[in-house]
Amino acid sequence: MIAAICWAILGLIHLVPALALFRPAMISALYGVQSGSATFLLLHHRAALFLCVLLICIWAALRPEVRPLASVVVAVSMISFLWLYAAAGQPVALRQIAIADLAGLPVLMIAAWLAFLPGRGA
């Protein structure tokens, strides 16, 4: 039950950026990038990738056997963003996203620990 709750929380963290795929105006609000630019297009594509992360979180909440793979996917997504954010000098425009990912790391750590604990995938 704890693992499913963790995966649901991780899914919620990725919900808003995933919704930007269907509501592109959110890209400007989330990232401060105006439509029509190449950066906007890349961020729109990024929203599609976030939809994949969201879907794997939902899948992991429902299917314990998916949790190890989901742990890797979500860890790569969250940790790589935080690493790149820090390397870029912590841009103010992306601070809220970094805070959301930082807040999600303990949840991810619990979910991943449970996923890889022998006999404990549920």
Protein backbone atom coordinates (compact mmCIF):
# COMPACT_ATOMS: atom_id res chain seq x y z
CA MET A 1 0.00 0.00 0.00
CA ILE A 2 2.82 2.42 0.86
CA ALA A 3 4.48 1.77 -2.50
CA ALA A 4 1.27 2.46 -4.42
CA ILE A 5 0.83 5.74 -2.54
CA CYS A 6 4.42 6.74 -3.32
CA TRP A 7 3.86 6.04 -7.01
CA ALA A 8 0.64 8.05 -6.98
CA ILE A 9 2.49 11.01 -5.42
CA LEU A 10 5.25 10.74 -8.01
CA GLY A 11 2.59 10.67 -10.72
CA LEU A 12 1.02 13.84 -9.33
CA ILE A 13 4.40 15.59 -9.42
CA HIS A 14 4.61 14.83 -13.14
CA LEU A 15 0.96 15.59 -13.93
CA VAL A 16 1.23 19.34 -14.52
CA PRO A 17 4.21 19.20 -16.89
CA ALA A 18 2.51 16.33 -18.75
CA LEU A 19 -0.67 18.37 -19.17
CA ALA A 20 1.37 20.94 -21.10
CA LEU A 21 1.26 18.49 -24.01
CA PHE A 22 -2.48 19.14 -24.31
CA ARG A 23 -2.41 22.77 -23.13
CA PRO A 24 0.67 24.32 -24.73
CA ALA A 25 -0.05 27.70 -23.12
CA MET A 26 1.09 26.09 -19.88
CA ILE A 27 4.62 25.96 -21.29
CA SER A 28 4.88 29.73 -21.15
CA ALA A 29 3.53 29.76 -17.60
CA LEU A 30 5.78 26.94 -16.39
CA TYR A 31 9.02 27.84 -18.15
CA GLY A 32 8.67 31.44 -19.28
CA VAL A 33 9.17 30.52 -22.95
CA GLN A 34 7.04 32.11 -25.63
CA SER A 35 5.31 30.05 -28.31
CA GLY A 36 6.78 29.95 -31.77
CA SER A 37 10.37 29.45 -30.66
CA ALA A 38 12.45 26.33 -31.10
CA THR A 39 12.76 26.14 -27.31
CA PHE A 40 8.97 26.10 -27.04
CA LEU A 41 8.85 23.17 -29.45
CA LEU A 42 11.43 21.26 -27.39
CA LEU A 43 9.48 21.94 -24.20
CA HIS A 44 6.28 20.79 -25.89
CA HIS A 45 8.06 17.55 -26.76
CA ARG A 46 9.32 17.41 -23.16
CA ALA A 47 5.67 17.45 -22.07
CA ALA A 48 5.12 14.27 -24.11
CA LEU A 49 8.02 12.65 -22.28
CA PHE A 50 6.51 13.75 -18.97
CA LEU A 51 3.30 12.04 -20.04
CA CYS A 52 5.34 8.85 -20.39
CA VAL A 53 6.77 9.36 -16.89
CA LEU A 54 3.27 9.98 -15.53
CA LEU A 55 1.95 6.83 -17.21
CA ILE A 56 4.75 4.68 -15.84
CA CYS A 57 4.06 6.06 -12.34
CA ILE A 58 0.40 5.11 -12.67
CA TRP A 59 1.38 1.70 -14.04
CA ALA A 60 3.81 1.20 -11.14
CA ALA A 61 1.10 2.15 -8.64
CA LEU A 62 -1.04 -0.65 -10.04
CA ARG A 63 1.55 -3.30 -10.98
CA PRO A 64 4.40 -4.14 -8.57
CA GLU A 65 6.45 -5.88 -11.26
CA VAL A 66 6.83 -2.56 -13.10
CA ARG A 67 8.26 -0.71 -10.10
CA PRO A 68 11.97 -1.43 -10.64
CA LEU A 69 11.83 -0.07 -14.20
CA ALA A 70 9.66 2.86 -13.08
CA SER A 71 12.21 3.64 -10.36
CA VAL A 72 14.96 3.96 -12.93
CA VAL A 73 12.87 6.06 -15.33
CA VAL A 74 11.66 8.49 -12.66
CA ALA A 75 15.09 8.72 -11.05
CA VAL A 76 16.72 9.58 -14.38
CA SER A 77 14.06 12.22 -15.01
CA MET A 78 14.19 13.89 -11.61
CA ILE A 79 17.87 13.60 -10.81
CA SER A 80 19.04 14.67 -14.27
CA PHE A 81 16.88 17.78 -14.08
CA LEU A 82 18.20 18.69 -10.63
CA TRP A 83 21.77 18.10 -11.76
CA LEU A 84 21.34 20.23 -14.89
CA TYR A 85 19.50 22.91 -12.89
CA ALA A 86 22.38 23.14 -10.42
CA ALA A 87 24.97 23.13 -13.23
CA ALA A 88 23.12 26.01 -14.93
CA GLY A 89 23.39 28.16 -11.80
CA GLN A 90 19.87 27.47 -10.49
CA PRO A 91 17.85 29.69 -12.86
CA VAL A 92 15.10 31.50 -10.96
CA ALA A 93 12.52 30.71 -13.65
CA LEU A 94 12.92 26.98 -12.94
CA ARG A 95 13.06 27.12 -9.14
CA GLN A 96 9.51 25.80 -8.60
CA ILE A 97 10.24 22.79 -10.77
CA ALA A 98 13.44 22.10 -8.84
CA ILE A 99 11.55 22.39 -5.54
CA ALA A 100 8.92 19.91 -6.77
CA ASP A 101 11.61 17.45 -7.83
CA LEU A 102 13.49 17.89 -4.55
CA ALA A 103 10.30 17.29 -2.61
CA GLY A 104 9.69 14.15 -4.63
CA LEU A 105 13.13 12.64 -4.07
CA PRO A 106 12.35 11.16 -0.62
CA VAL A 107 9.16 9.65 -2.05
CA LEU A 108 11.14 8.22 -4.96
CA MET A 109 13.75 6.83 -2.57
CA ILE A 110 11.06 4.98 -0.60
CA ALA A 111 9.36 3.72 -3.76
CA ALA A 112 12.66 2.55 -5.27
CA TRP A 113 13.79 0.90 -2.04
CA LEU A 114 10.52 -1.02 -1.87
CA ALA A 115 10.76 -1.88 -5.57
CA PHE A 116 14.21 -3.41 -5.26
CA LEU A 117 13.79 -5.02 -1.85
CA PRO A 118 13.63 -8.78 -2.41
CA GLY A 119 10.09 -10.07 -2.01
CA ARG A 120 8.77 -6.58 -1.30
CA GLY A 121 7.59 -5.26 -4.69
CA ALA A 122 4.06 -4.72 -3.36
